[in-house]
Full PDB file with SEQRES, HELIX, SHEET, SSBOND, CRYST1, ORIGX, SCALE, CONECT and MASTER records, all heavy atoms in Angstrom:
SEQRES   1 A   40  LEU PRO THR ALA PRO PHE VAL ILE ASP ALA VAL ARG GLU          
SEQRES   2 A   40  ARG LEU GLN HIS PRO ILE LEU GLY TYR THR ARG THR PRO          
SEQRES   3 A   40  GLU PRO ALA ALA ARG ALA PHE VAL ASP TRP ILE ARG HIS          
SEQRES   4 A   40  SER                                                          
HELIX    1 AA1 PRO A    5  ARG A   14  1                                  10    
HELIX    2 AA2 GLU A   27  HIS A   39  1                                  13    
CRYST1    1.000    1.000    1.000  90.00  90.00  90.00 P 1           1          
ORIGX1      1.000000  0.000000  0.000000        0.00000                         
ORIGX2      0.000000  1.000000  0.000000        0.00000                         
ORIGX3      0.000000  0.000000  1.000000        0.00000                         
SCALE1      1.000000  0.000000  0.000000        0.00000                         
SCALE2      0.000000  1.000000  0.000000        0.00000                         
SCALE3      0.000000  0.000000  1.000000        0.00000                         
ATOM      1  N   LEU A   1    -144.763  29.875 -78.516  1.00  0.00           N  
ATOM      2  CA  LEU A   1    -145.169  30.657 -79.441  1.00  0.00           C  
ATOM      3  C   LEU A   1    -146.372  30.062 -80.303  1.00  0.00           C  
ATOM      4  O   LEU A   1    -146.351  28.800 -80.356  1.00  0.00           O  
ATOM      5  CB  LEU A   1    -144.162  31.223 -80.469  1.00  0.00           C  
ATOM      6  CG  LEU A   1    -142.908  31.820 -79.937  1.00  0.00           C  
ATOM      7  CD1 LEU A   1    -141.922  32.082 -81.070  1.00  0.00           C  
ATOM      8  CD2 LEU A   1    -143.273  33.029 -79.034  1.00  0.00           C  
ATOM      9  N   PRO A   2    -147.343  30.815 -80.686  1.00  0.00           N  
ATOM     10  CA  PRO A   2    -148.556  30.080 -81.298  1.00  0.00           C  
ATOM     11  C   PRO A   2    -148.194  29.269 -82.535  1.00  0.00           C  
ATOM     12  O   PRO A   2    -147.370  29.653 -83.306  1.00  0.00           O  
ATOM     13  CB  PRO A   2    -149.535  31.311 -81.706  1.00  0.00           C  
ATOM     14  CG  PRO A   2    -149.048  32.356 -80.887  1.00  0.00           C  
ATOM     15  CD  PRO A   2    -147.557  32.228 -80.616  1.00  0.00           C  
ATOM     16  N   THR A   3    -148.871  28.154 -82.661  1.00  0.00           N  
ATOM     17  CA  THR A   3    -148.730  27.380 -83.913  1.00  0.00           C  
ATOM     18  C   THR A   3    -149.220  28.272 -85.031  1.00  0.00           C  
ATOM     19  O   THR A   3    -150.138  29.161 -84.849  1.00  0.00           O  
ATOM     20  CB  THR A   3    -149.737  26.142 -83.753  1.00  0.00           C  
ATOM     21  OG1 THR A   3    -149.288  25.412 -82.604  1.00  0.00           O  
ATOM     22  CG2 THR A   3    -149.661  25.278 -84.961  1.00  0.00           C  
ATOM     23  N   ALA A   4    -148.600  27.967 -86.207  1.00  0.00           N  
ATOM     24  CA  ALA A   4    -149.000  28.772 -87.321  1.00  0.00           C  
ATOM     25  C   ALA A   4    -150.568  28.710 -87.640  1.00  0.00           C  
ATOM     26  O   ALA A   4    -151.148  27.650 -87.647  1.00  0.00           O  
ATOM     27  CB  ALA A   4    -148.268  28.206 -88.650  1.00  0.00           C  
ATOM     28  N   PRO A   5    -151.166  29.836 -87.960  1.00  0.00           N  
ATOM     29  CA  PRO A   5    -152.564  29.826 -88.024  1.00  0.00           C  
ATOM     30  C   PRO A   5    -153.122  29.095 -89.189  1.00  0.00           C  
ATOM     31  O   PRO A   5    -154.289  28.392 -89.166  1.00  0.00           O  
ATOM     32  CB  PRO A   5    -153.029  31.429 -88.203  1.00  0.00           C  
ATOM     33  CG  PRO A   5    -151.783  32.027 -88.601  1.00  0.00           C  
ATOM     34  CD  PRO A   5    -150.661  31.181 -87.864  1.00  0.00           C  
ATOM     35  N   PHE A   6    -152.361  28.915 -90.212  1.00  0.00           N  
ATOM     36  CA  PHE A   6    -152.837  28.238 -91.469  1.00  0.00           C  
ATOM     37  C   PHE A   6    -152.791  26.682 -91.094  1.00  0.00           C  
ATOM     38  O   PHE A   6    -153.403  25.969 -91.817  1.00  0.00           O  
ATOM     39  CB  PHE A   6    -152.006  28.596 -92.693  1.00  0.00           C  
ATOM     40  CG  PHE A   6    -150.466  28.796 -92.482  1.00  0.00           C  
ATOM     41  CD1 PHE A   6    -149.679  27.676 -92.498  1.00  0.00           C  
ATOM     42  CD2 PHE A   6    -150.047  30.003 -92.257  1.00  0.00           C  
ATOM     43  CE1 PHE A   6    -148.326  27.896 -92.368  1.00  0.00           C  
ATOM     44  CE2 PHE A   6    -148.602  30.251 -92.047  1.00  0.00           C  
ATOM     45  CZ  PHE A   6    -147.791  29.105 -92.120  1.00  0.00           C  
ATOM     46  N   VAL A   7    -151.849  26.277 -90.182  1.00  0.00           N  
ATOM     47  CA  VAL A   7    -151.758  24.913 -89.704  1.00  0.00           C  
ATOM     48  C   VAL A   7    -153.087  24.598 -88.930  1.00  0.00           C  
ATOM     49  O   VAL A   7    -153.671  23.595 -89.170  1.00  0.00           O  
ATOM     50  CB  VAL A   7    -150.577  24.725 -88.882  1.00  0.00           C  
ATOM     51  CG1 VAL A   7    -150.594  23.363 -88.215  1.00  0.00           C  
ATOM     52  CG2 VAL A   7    -149.324  24.732 -89.873  1.00  0.00           C  
ATOM     53  N   ILE A   8    -153.459  25.531 -88.019  1.00  0.00           N  
ATOM     54  CA  ILE A   8    -154.670  25.335 -87.201  1.00  0.00           C  
ATOM     55  C   ILE A   8    -155.929  25.312 -88.216  1.00  0.00           C  
ATOM     56  O   ILE A   8    -156.712  24.500 -87.984  1.00  0.00           O  
ATOM     57  CB  ILE A   8    -154.757  26.551 -86.232  1.00  0.00           C  
ATOM     58  CG1 ILE A   8    -153.689  26.513 -85.224  1.00  0.00           C  
ATOM     59  CG2 ILE A   8    -156.145  26.440 -85.459  1.00  0.00           C  
ATOM     60  CD1 ILE A   8    -153.666  25.314 -84.239  1.00  0.00           C  
ATOM     61  N   ASP A   9    -155.909  26.141 -89.169  1.00  0.00           N  
ATOM     62  CA  ASP A   9    -157.027  26.074 -90.096  1.00  0.00           C  
ATOM     63  C   ASP A   9    -157.155  24.874 -90.908  1.00  0.00           C  
ATOM     64  O   ASP A   9    -158.264  24.318 -91.067  1.00  0.00           O  
ATOM     65  CB  ASP A   9    -156.897  27.289 -91.114  1.00  0.00           C  
ATOM     66  CG  ASP A   9    -157.137  28.656 -90.458  1.00  0.00           C  
ATOM     67  OD1 ASP A   9    -157.676  28.760 -89.260  1.00  0.00           O  
ATOM     68  OD2 ASP A   9    -156.813  29.640 -90.989  1.00  0.00           O  
ATOM     69  N   ALA A  10    -155.990  24.201 -91.194  1.00  0.00           N  
ATOM     70  CA  ALA A  10    -156.036  22.996 -91.970  1.00  0.00           C  
ATOM     71  C   ALA A  10    -156.590  21.857 -91.117  1.00  0.00           C  
ATOM     72  O   ALA A  10    -157.288  21.010 -91.596  1.00  0.00           O  
ATOM     73  CB  ALA A  10    -154.681  22.691 -92.406  1.00  0.00           C  
ATOM     74  N   VAL A  11    -156.216  21.873 -89.792  1.00  0.00           N  
ATOM     75  CA  VAL A  11    -156.632  20.900 -88.904  1.00  0.00           C  
ATOM     76  C   VAL A  11    -158.232  20.989 -88.746  1.00  0.00           C  
ATOM     77  O   VAL A  11    -158.925  20.084 -88.725  1.00  0.00           O  
ATOM     78  CB  VAL A  11    -155.821  20.822 -87.486  1.00  0.00           C  
ATOM     79  CG1 VAL A  11    -156.526  19.915 -86.582  1.00  0.00           C  
ATOM     80  CG2 VAL A  11    -154.454  20.461 -87.752  1.00  0.00           C  
ATOM     81  N   ARG A  12    -158.607  22.325 -88.483  1.00  0.00           N  
ATOM     82  CA  ARG A  12    -160.009  22.449 -88.280  1.00  0.00           C  
ATOM     83  C   ARG A  12    -160.735  22.128 -89.563  1.00  0.00           C  
ATOM     84  O   ARG A  12    -161.923  21.443 -89.377  1.00  0.00           O  
ATOM     85  CB  ARG A  12    -160.146  23.993 -88.111  1.00  0.00           C  
ATOM     86  CG  ARG A  12    -161.575  24.440 -87.720  1.00  0.00           C  
ATOM     87  CD  ARG A  12    -161.700  25.875 -87.358  1.00  0.00           C  
ATOM     88  NE  ARG A  12    -161.062  26.255 -86.121  1.00  0.00           N  
ATOM     89  CZ  ARG A  12    -159.984  27.085 -86.053  1.00  0.00           C  
ATOM     90  NH1 ARG A  12    -159.466  27.546 -87.229  1.00  0.00           N  
ATOM     91  NH2 ARG A  12    -159.403  27.287 -84.959  1.00  0.00           N  
ATOM     92  N   GLU A  13    -160.258  22.186 -90.720  1.00  0.00           N  
ATOM     93  CA  GLU A  13    -160.920  21.808 -91.902  1.00  0.00           C  
ATOM     94  C   GLU A  13    -161.132  20.362 -91.917  1.00  0.00           C  
ATOM     95  O   GLU A  13    -162.155  19.880 -92.280  1.00  0.00           O  
ATOM     96  CB  GLU A  13    -160.287  22.291 -93.218  1.00  0.00           C  
ATOM     97  CG  GLU A  13    -160.950  22.092 -94.485  1.00  0.00           C  
ATOM     98  CD  GLU A  13    -160.260  22.626 -95.682  1.00  0.00           C  
ATOM     99  OE1 GLU A  13    -159.272  23.404 -95.539  1.00  0.00           O  
ATOM    100  OE2 GLU A  13    -160.646  22.210 -96.823  1.00  0.00           O  
ATOM    101  N   ARG A  14    -160.072  19.632 -91.684  1.00  0.00           N  
ATOM    102  CA  ARG A  14    -160.177  18.174 -91.582  1.00  0.00           C  
ATOM    103  C   ARG A  14    -161.198  17.611 -90.589  1.00  0.00           C  
ATOM    104  O   ARG A  14    -161.805  16.641 -90.915  1.00  0.00           O  
ATOM    105  CB  ARG A  14    -158.664  17.542 -91.334  1.00  0.00           C  
ATOM    106  CG  ARG A  14    -158.739  16.027 -91.267  1.00  0.00           C  
ATOM    107  CD  ARG A  14    -159.204  15.433 -92.582  1.00  0.00           C  
ATOM    108  NE  ARG A  14    -159.128  13.964 -92.490  1.00  0.00           N  
ATOM    109  CZ  ARG A  14    -160.089  13.275 -92.039  1.00  0.00           C  
ATOM    110  NH1 ARG A  14    -161.216  13.880 -91.580  1.00  0.00           N  
ATOM    111  NH2 ARG A  14    -160.046  11.868 -92.007  1.00  0.00           N  
ATOM    112  N   LEU A  15    -161.376  18.457 -89.544  1.00  0.00           N  
ATOM    113  CA  LEU A  15    -162.216  17.952 -88.495  1.00  0.00           C  
ATOM    114  C   LEU A  15    -163.692  18.184 -89.004  1.00  0.00           C  
ATOM    115  O   LEU A  15    -164.641  17.747 -88.326  1.00  0.00           O  
ATOM    116  CB  LEU A  15    -162.008  18.771 -87.255  1.00  0.00           C  
ATOM    117  CG  LEU A  15    -160.720  18.348 -86.405  1.00  0.00           C  
ATOM    118  CD1 LEU A  15    -160.520  19.375 -85.316  1.00  0.00           C  
ATOM    119  CD2 LEU A  15    -161.040  17.010 -85.830  1.00  0.00           C  
ATOM    120  N   GLN A  16    -163.915  18.820 -90.111  1.00  0.00           N  
ATOM    121  CA  GLN A  16    -165.252  18.875 -90.629  1.00  0.00           C  
ATOM    122  C   GLN A  16    -165.877  17.541 -91.093  1.00  0.00           C  
ATOM    123  O   GLN A  16    -167.049  17.340 -91.107  1.00  0.00           O  
ATOM    124  CB  GLN A  16    -165.321  19.923 -91.903  1.00  0.00           C  
ATOM    125  CG  GLN A  16    -165.003  21.358 -91.429  1.00  0.00           C  
ATOM    126  CD  GLN A  16    -165.708  21.855 -90.296  1.00  0.00           C  
ATOM    127  OE1 GLN A  16    -166.976  21.806 -90.266  1.00  0.00           O  
ATOM    128  NE2 GLN A  16    -164.970  22.345 -89.225  1.00  0.00           N  
ATOM    129  N   HIS A  17    -164.910  16.649 -91.265  1.00  0.00           N  
ATOM    130  CA  HIS A  17    -165.407  15.238 -91.692  1.00  0.00           C  
ATOM    131  C   HIS A  17    -165.540  14.558 -90.346  1.00  0.00           C  
ATOM    132  O   HIS A  17    -164.690  14.599 -89.488  1.00  0.00           O  
ATOM    133  CB  HIS A  17    -164.381  14.596 -92.545  1.00  0.00           C  
ATOM    134  CG  HIS A  17    -164.851  13.250 -93.090  1.00  0.00           C  
ATOM    135  ND1 HIS A  17    -165.020  12.023 -92.420  1.00  0.00           N  
ATOM    136  CD2 HIS A  17    -165.367  12.958 -94.377  1.00  0.00           C  
ATOM    137  CE1 HIS A  17    -165.634  11.138 -93.154  1.00  0.00           C  
ATOM    138  NE2 HIS A  17    -165.763  11.698 -94.427  1.00  0.00           N  
ATOM    139  N   PRO A  18    -166.636  13.746 -90.233  1.00  0.00           N  
ATOM    140  CA  PRO A  18    -166.952  13.160 -89.025  1.00  0.00           C  
ATOM    141  C   PRO A  18    -166.228  11.867 -88.583  1.00  0.00           C  
ATOM    142  O   PRO A  18    -166.376  11.302 -87.425  1.00  0.00           O  
ATOM    143  CB  PRO A  18    -168.493  12.800 -89.069  1.00  0.00           C  
ATOM    144  CG  PRO A  18    -168.612  12.508 -90.537  1.00  0.00           C  
ATOM    145  CD  PRO A  18    -167.742  13.469 -91.221  1.00  0.00           C  
ATOM    146  N   ILE A  19    -165.301  11.402 -89.457  1.00  0.00           N  
ATOM    147  CA  ILE A  19    -164.464  10.170 -89.147  1.00  0.00           C  
ATOM    148  C   ILE A  19    -163.067  10.534 -89.085  1.00  0.00           C  
ATOM    149  O   ILE A  19    -162.588  11.047 -90.184  1.00  0.00           O  
ATOM    150  CB  ILE A  19    -164.902   9.014 -90.165  1.00  0.00           C  
ATOM    151  CG1 ILE A  19    -166.322   8.689 -89.948  1.00  0.00           C  
ATOM    152  CG2 ILE A  19    -163.930   7.859 -89.816  1.00  0.00           C  
ATOM    153  CD1 ILE A  19    -166.767   7.631 -90.972  1.00  0.00           C  
ATOM    154  N   LEU A  20    -162.345  10.129 -88.140  1.00  0.00           N  
ATOM    155  CA  LEU A  20    -160.871  10.300 -88.101  1.00  0.00           C  
ATOM    156  C   LEU A  20    -160.160   8.876 -88.096  1.00  0.00           C  
ATOM    157  O   LEU A  20    -159.918   8.375 -87.065  1.00  0.00           O  
ATOM    158  CB  LEU A  20    -160.417  11.061 -86.869  1.00  0.00           C  
ATOM    159  CG  LEU A  20    -160.931  12.456 -86.848  1.00  0.00           C  
ATOM    160  CD1 LEU A  20    -160.453  13.036 -85.456  1.00  0.00           C  
ATOM    161  CD2 LEU A  20    -160.423  13.269 -87.983  1.00  0.00           C  
ATOM    162  N   GLY A  21    -160.245   8.195 -89.313  1.00  0.00           N  
ATOM    163  CA  GLY A  21    -159.823   6.800 -89.457  1.00  0.00           C  
ATOM    164  C   GLY A  21    -158.421   6.645 -89.792  1.00  0.00           C  
ATOM    165  O   GLY A  21    -157.601   7.676 -90.085  1.00  0.00           O  
ATOM    166  N   TYR A  22    -157.944   5.399 -89.865  1.00  0.00           N  
ATOM    167  CA  TYR A  22    -156.577   5.088 -90.396  1.00  0.00           C  
ATOM    168  C   TYR A  22    -156.464   5.783 -91.768  1.00  0.00           C  
ATOM    169  O   TYR A  22    -157.279   5.636 -92.495  1.00  0.00           O  
ATOM    170  CB  TYR A  22    -156.358   3.636 -90.525  1.00  0.00           C  
ATOM    171  CG  TYR A  22    -156.415   2.876 -89.230  1.00  0.00           C  
ATOM    172  CD1 TYR A  22    -157.215   1.756 -89.034  1.00  0.00           C  
ATOM    173  CD2 TYR A  22    -155.534   3.274 -88.125  1.00  0.00           C  
ATOM    174  CE1 TYR A  22    -157.278   1.070 -87.819  1.00  0.00           C  
ATOM    175  CE2 TYR A  22    -155.706   2.520 -86.949  1.00  0.00           C  
ATOM    176  CZ  TYR A  22    -156.529   1.415 -86.783  1.00  0.00           C  
ATOM    177  OH  TYR A  22    -156.540   0.781 -85.597  1.00  0.00           O  
ATOM    178  N   THR A  23    -155.254   6.343 -92.121  1.00  0.00           N  
ATOM    179  CA  THR A  23    -155.147   7.138 -93.153  1.00  0.00           C  
ATOM    180  C   THR A  23    -153.822   6.838 -93.992  1.00  0.00           C  
ATOM    181  O   THR A  23    -152.760   6.827 -93.328  1.00  0.00           O  
ATOM    182  CB  THR A  23    -155.116   8.682 -92.761  1.00  0.00           C  
ATOM    183  OG1 THR A  23    -156.311   8.981 -92.094  1.00  0.00           O  
ATOM    184  CG2 THR A  23    -155.033   9.450 -94.069  1.00  0.00           C  
ATOM    185  N   ARG A  24    -153.953   6.607 -95.280  1.00  0.00           N  
ATOM    186  CA  ARG A  24    -152.671   6.361 -96.168  1.00  0.00           C  
ATOM    187  C   ARG A  24    -152.290   7.845 -96.359  1.00  0.00           C  
ATOM    188  O   ARG A  24    -153.081   8.774 -96.334  1.00  0.00           O  
ATOM    189  CB  ARG A  24    -153.060   5.666 -97.408  1.00  0.00           C  
ATOM    190  CG  ARG A  24    -153.535   4.245 -97.103  1.00  0.00           C  
ATOM    191  CD  ARG A  24    -153.557   3.491 -98.459  1.00  0.00           C  
ATOM    192  NE  ARG A  24    -153.873   2.073 -98.179  1.00  0.00           N  
ATOM    193  CZ  ARG A  24    -153.891   1.182 -99.166  1.00  0.00           C  
ATOM    194  NH1 ARG A  24    -153.690   1.459-100.432  1.00  0.00           N  
ATOM    195  NH2 ARG A  24    -154.155  -0.162 -98.825  1.00  0.00           N  
ATOM    196  N   THR A  25    -151.051   7.942 -96.803  1.00  0.00           N  
ATOM    197  CA  THR A  25    -150.484   9.271 -97.174  1.00  0.00           C  
ATOM    198  C   THR A  25    -151.188   9.995 -98.201  1.00  0.00           C  
ATOM    199  O   THR A  25    -151.318   9.432 -99.468  1.00  0.00           O  
ATOM    200  CB  THR A  25    -149.068   9.034 -97.571  1.00  0.00           C  
ATOM    201  OG1 THR A  25    -148.257   8.474 -96.670  1.00  0.00           O  
ATOM    202  CG2 THR A  25    -148.407  10.484 -97.796  1.00  0.00           C  
ATOM    203  N   PRO A  26    -151.897  11.048 -98.016  1.00  0.00           N  
ATOM    204  CA  PRO A  26    -152.633  11.839 -98.994  1.00  0.00           C  
ATOM    205  C   PRO A  26    -151.695  12.356-100.107  1.00  0.00           C  
ATOM    206  O   PRO A  26    -150.500  12.750 -99.856  1.00  0.00           O  
ATOM    207  CB  PRO A  26    -153.233  12.896 -98.157  1.00  0.00           C  
ATOM    208  CG  PRO A  26    -153.056  12.563 -96.835  1.00  0.00           C  
ATOM    209  CD  PRO A  26    -151.992  11.715 -96.609  1.00  0.00           C  
ATOM    210  N   GLU A  27    -152.075  12.304-101.384  1.00  0.00           N  
ATOM    211  CA  GLU A  27    -151.287  12.692-102.420  1.00  0.00           C  
ATOM    212  C   GLU A  27    -150.848  14.249-102.235  1.00  0.00           C  
ATOM    213  O   GLU A  27    -149.801  14.482-102.467  1.00  0.00           O  
ATOM    214  CB  GLU A  27    -151.983  12.533-103.731  1.00  0.00           C  
ATOM    215  CG  GLU A  27    -152.111  11.052-104.117  1.00  0.00           C  
ATOM    216  CD  GLU A  27    -152.712  10.843-105.489  1.00  0.00           C  
ATOM    217  OE1 GLU A  27    -153.005  11.905-106.276  1.00  0.00           O  
ATOM    218  OE2 GLU A  27    -153.003   9.721-105.859  1.00  0.00           O  
ATOM    219  N   PRO A  28    -151.747  15.107-101.801  1.00  0.00           N  
ATOM    220  CA  PRO A  28    -151.287  16.454-101.554  1.00  0.00           C  
ATOM    221  C   PRO A  28    -150.231  16.561-100.497  1.00  0.00           C  
ATOM    222  O   PRO A  28    -149.299  17.516-100.563  1.00  0.00           O  
ATOM    223  CB  PRO A  28    -152.603  17.096-101.043  1.00  0.00           C  
ATOM    224  CG  PRO A  28    -153.834  16.300-101.584  1.00  0.00           C  
ATOM    225  CD  PRO A  28    -153.199  14.875-101.516  1.00  0.00           C  
ATOM    226  N   ALA A  29    -150.118  15.798 -99.566  1.00  0.00           N  
ATOM    227  CA  ALA A  29    -149.117  15.792 -98.543  1.00  0.00           C  
ATOM    228  C   ALA A  29    -147.724  15.400 -99.229  1.00  0.00           C  
ATOM    229  O   ALA A  29    -146.719  16.105 -99.061  1.00  0.00           O  
ATOM    230  CB  ALA A  29    -149.250  14.858 -97.445  1.00  0.00           C  
ATOM    231  N   ALA A  30    -147.675  14.443-100.107  1.00  0.00           N  
ATOM    232  CA  ALA A  30    -146.402  14.062-100.715  1.00  0.00           C  
ATOM    233  C   ALA A  30    -145.997  15.102-101.710  1.00  0.00           C  
ATOM    234  O   ALA A  30    -144.791  15.346-101.823  1.00  0.00           O  
ATOM    235  CB  ALA A  30    -146.702  12.676-101.348  1.00  0.00           C  
ATOM    236  N   ARG A  31    -146.952  15.582-102.465  1.00  0.00           N  
ATOM    237  CA  ARG A  31    -146.654  16.719-103.389  1.00  0.00           C  
ATOM    238  C   ARG A  31    -146.107  17.909-102.655  1.00  0.00           C  
ATOM    239  O   ARG A  31    -145.108  18.567-103.094  1.00  0.00           O  
ATOM    240  CB  ARG A  31    -147.815  17.124-104.294  1.00  0.00           C  
ATOM    241  CG  ARG A  31    -148.218  15.975-105.236  1.00  0.00           C  
ATOM    242  CD  ARG A  31    -149.107  16.584-106.350  1.00  0.00           C  
ATOM    243  NE  ARG A  31    -150.257  17.267-105.819  1.00  0.00           N  
ATOM    244  CZ  ARG A  31    -151.494  16.562-105.515  1.00  0.00           C  
ATOM    245  NH1 ARG A  31    -151.541  15.304-105.916  1.00  0.00           N  
ATOM    246  NH2 ARG A  31    -152.442  17.103-105.095  1.00  0.00           N  
ATOM    247  N   ALA A  32    -146.709  18.274-101.582  1.00  0.00           N  
ATOM    248  CA  ALA A  32    -146.355  19.407-100.757  1.00  0.00           C  
ATOM    249  C   ALA A  32    -144.800  19.324-100.248  1.00  0.00           C  
ATOM    250  O   ALA A  32    -144.149  20.206-100.439  1.00  0.00           O  
ATOM    251  CB  ALA A  32    -147.238  19.738 -99.595  1.00  0.00           C  
ATOM    252  N   PHE A  33    -144.489  18.108 -99.775  1.00  0.00           N  
ATOM    253  CA  PHE A  33    -143.074  17.911 -99.342  1.00  0.00           C  
ATOM    254  C   PHE A  33    -142.071  17.977-100.404  1.00  0.00           C  
ATOM    255  O   PHE A  33    -140.990  18.706-100.354  1.00  0.00           O  
ATOM    256  CB  PHE A  33    -142.909  16.628 -98.679  1.00  0.00           C  
ATOM    257  CG  PHE A  33    -141.570  16.295 -98.137  1.00  0.00           C  
ATOM    258  CD1 PHE A  33    -141.170  16.746 -96.962  1.00  0.00           C  
ATOM    259  CD2 PHE A  33    -140.757  15.548 -98.877  1.00  0.00           C  
ATOM    260  CE1 PHE A  33    -139.854  16.546 -96.503  1.00  0.00           C  
ATOM    261  CE2 PHE A  33    -139.452  15.282 -98.617  1.00  0.00           C  
ATOM    262  CZ  PHE A  33    -138.977  15.911 -97.284  1.00  0.00           C  
ATOM    263  N   VAL A  34    -142.434  17.416-101.574  1.00  0.00           N  
ATOM    264  CA  VAL A  34    -141.453  17.330-102.703  1.00  0.00           C  
ATOM    265  C   VAL A  34    -141.269  18.644-103.160  1.00  0.00           C  
ATOM    266  O   VAL A  34    -140.112  19.155-103.475  1.00  0.00           O  
ATOM    267  CB  VAL A  34    -141.971  16.358-103.763  1.00  0.00           C  
ATOM    268  CG1 VAL A  34    -141.263  16.614-105.131  1.00  0.00           C  
ATOM    269  CG2 VAL A  34    -141.849  14.977-103.502  1.00  0.00           C  
ATOM    270  N   ASP A  35    -142.296  19.470-103.312  1.00  0.00           N  
ATOM    271  CA  ASP A  35    -142.216  20.924-103.635  1.00  0.00           C  
ATOM    272  C   ASP A  35    -141.496  21.747-102.750  1.00  0.00           C  
ATOM    273  O   ASP A  35    -140.670  22.637-103.066  1.00  0.00           O  
ATOM    274  CB  ASP A  35    -143.626  21.567-103.966  1.00  0.00           C  
ATOM    275  CG  ASP A  35    -144.411  20.919-105.206  1.00  0.00           C  
ATOM    276  OD1 ASP A  35    -143.613  20.295-106.075  1.00  0.00           O  
ATOM    277  OD2 ASP A  35    -145.560  21.089-105.331  1.00  0.00           O  
ATOM    278  N   TRP A  36    -141.754  21.457-101.482  1.00  0.00           N  
ATOM    279  CA  TRP A  36    -141.112  22.315-100.366  1.00  0.00           C  
ATOM    280  C   TRP A  36    -139.602  22.070-100.359  1.00  0.00           C  
ATOM    281  O   TRP A  36    -138.763  22.980-100.337  1.00  0.00           O  
ATOM    282  CB  TRP A  36    -141.650  21.927 -99.096  1.00  0.00           C  
ATOM    283  CG  TRP A  36    -140.816  22.400 -97.876  1.00  0.00           C  
ATOM    284  CD1 TRP A  36    -140.928  23.722 -97.357  1.00  0.00           C  
ATOM    285  CD2 TRP A  36    -139.787  21.661 -97.187  1.00  0.00           C  
ATOM    286  NE1 TRP A  36    -140.047  23.764 -96.309  1.00  0.00           N  
ATOM    287  CE2 TRP A  36    -139.423  22.556 -96.113  1.00  0.00           C  
ATOM    288  CE3 TRP A  36    -139.478  20.399 -97.149  1.00  0.00           C  
ATOM    289  CZ2 TRP A  36    -138.474  22.214 -95.111  1.00  0.00           C  
ATOM    290  CZ3 TRP A  36    -138.575  19.943 -96.187  1.00  0.00           C  
ATOM    291  CH2 TRP A  36    -138.057  20.830 -95.212  1.00  0.00           C  
ATOM    292  N   ILE A  37    -139.209  20.823-100.480  1.00  0.00           N  
ATOM    293  CA  ILE A  37    -137.736  20.726-100.416  1.00  0.00           C  
ATOM    294  C   ILE A  37    -137.021  21.055-101.573  1.00  0.00           C  
ATOM    295  O   ILE A  37    -135.845  21.539-101.558  1.00  0.00           O  
ATOM    296  CB  ILE A  37    -137.479  19.080-100.071  1.00  0.00           C  
ATOM    297  CG1 ILE A  37    -136.098  18.931 -99.412  1.00  0.00           C  
ATOM    298  CG2 ILE A  37    -137.494  18.197-101.313  1.00  0.00           C  
ATOM    299  CD1 ILE A  37    -136.044  17.617 -98.652  1.00  0.00           C  
ATOM    300  N   ARG A  38    -137.647  20.976-102.788  1.00  0.00           N  
ATOM    301  CA  ARG A  38    -137.158  21.562-104.088  1.00  0.00           C  
ATOM    302  C   ARG A  38    -137.061  23.069-103.944  1.00  0.00           C  
ATOM    303  O   ARG A  38    -136.012  23.627-104.207  1.00  0.00           O  
ATOM    304  CB  ARG A  38    -137.846  21.182-105.337  1.00  0.00           C  
ATOM    305  CG  ARG A  38    -137.167  21.733-106.550  1.00  0.00           C  
ATOM    306  CD  ARG A  38    -138.075  21.335-107.789  1.00  0.00           C  
ATOM    307  NE  ARG A  38    -139.322  21.833-107.781  1.00  0.00           N  
ATOM    308  CZ  ARG A  38    -140.488  21.177-107.716  1.00  0.00           C  
ATOM    309  NH1 ARG A  38    -140.502  19.892-107.561  1.00  0.00           N  
ATOM    310  NH2 ARG A  38    -141.713  21.797-107.675  1.00  0.00           N  
ATOM    311  N   HIS A  39    -138.021  23.670-103.539  1.00  0.00           N  
ATOM    312  CA  HIS A  39    -138.106  25.151-103.346  1.00  0.00           C  
ATOM    313  C   HIS A  39    -137.132  25.665-102.312  1.00  0.00           C  
ATOM    314  O   HIS A  39    -136.454  26.731-102.487  1.00  0.00           O  
ATOM    315  CB  HIS A  39    -139.545  25.533-102.747  1.00  0.00           C  
ATOM    316  CG  HIS A  39    -139.515  27.050-102.446  1.00  0.00           C  
ATOM    317  ND1 HIS A  39    -139.799  28.025-103.427  1.00  0.00           N  
ATOM    318  CD2 HIS A  39    -139.667  27.630-101.230  1.00  0.00           C  
ATOM    319  CE1 HIS A  39    -139.867  29.233-102.823  1.00  0.00           C  
ATOM    320  NE2 HIS A  39    -139.781  29.038-101.484  1.00  0.00           N  
ATOM    321  N   SER A  40    -136.909  25.015-101.140  1.00  0.00           N  
ATOM    322  CA  SER A  40    -136.098  25.467 -99.969  1.00  0.00           C  
ATOM    323  C   SER A  40    -134.623  25.097-100.338  1.00  0.00           C  
ATOM    324  O   SER A  40    -133.762  25.873 -99.864  1.00  0.00           O  
ATOM    325  CB  SER A  40    -136.564  24.775 -98.673  1.00  0.00           C  
ATOM    326  OG  SER A  40    -138.024  25.084 -98.449  1.00  0.00           O  
TER     327      SER A  40                                                      
MASTER        0    0    0    2    0    0    0    6  326    1    0    4          
END                                                                             
């Protein structure tokens, strides 16, 4: 089944930056997880 379209869109948006380097955990990712597990 297709990957969620908003997931594809998020990856596509990140690809607008020309460098895919080593990455520390982005603050939005940590906040999203904490909010998701509380909500769910």
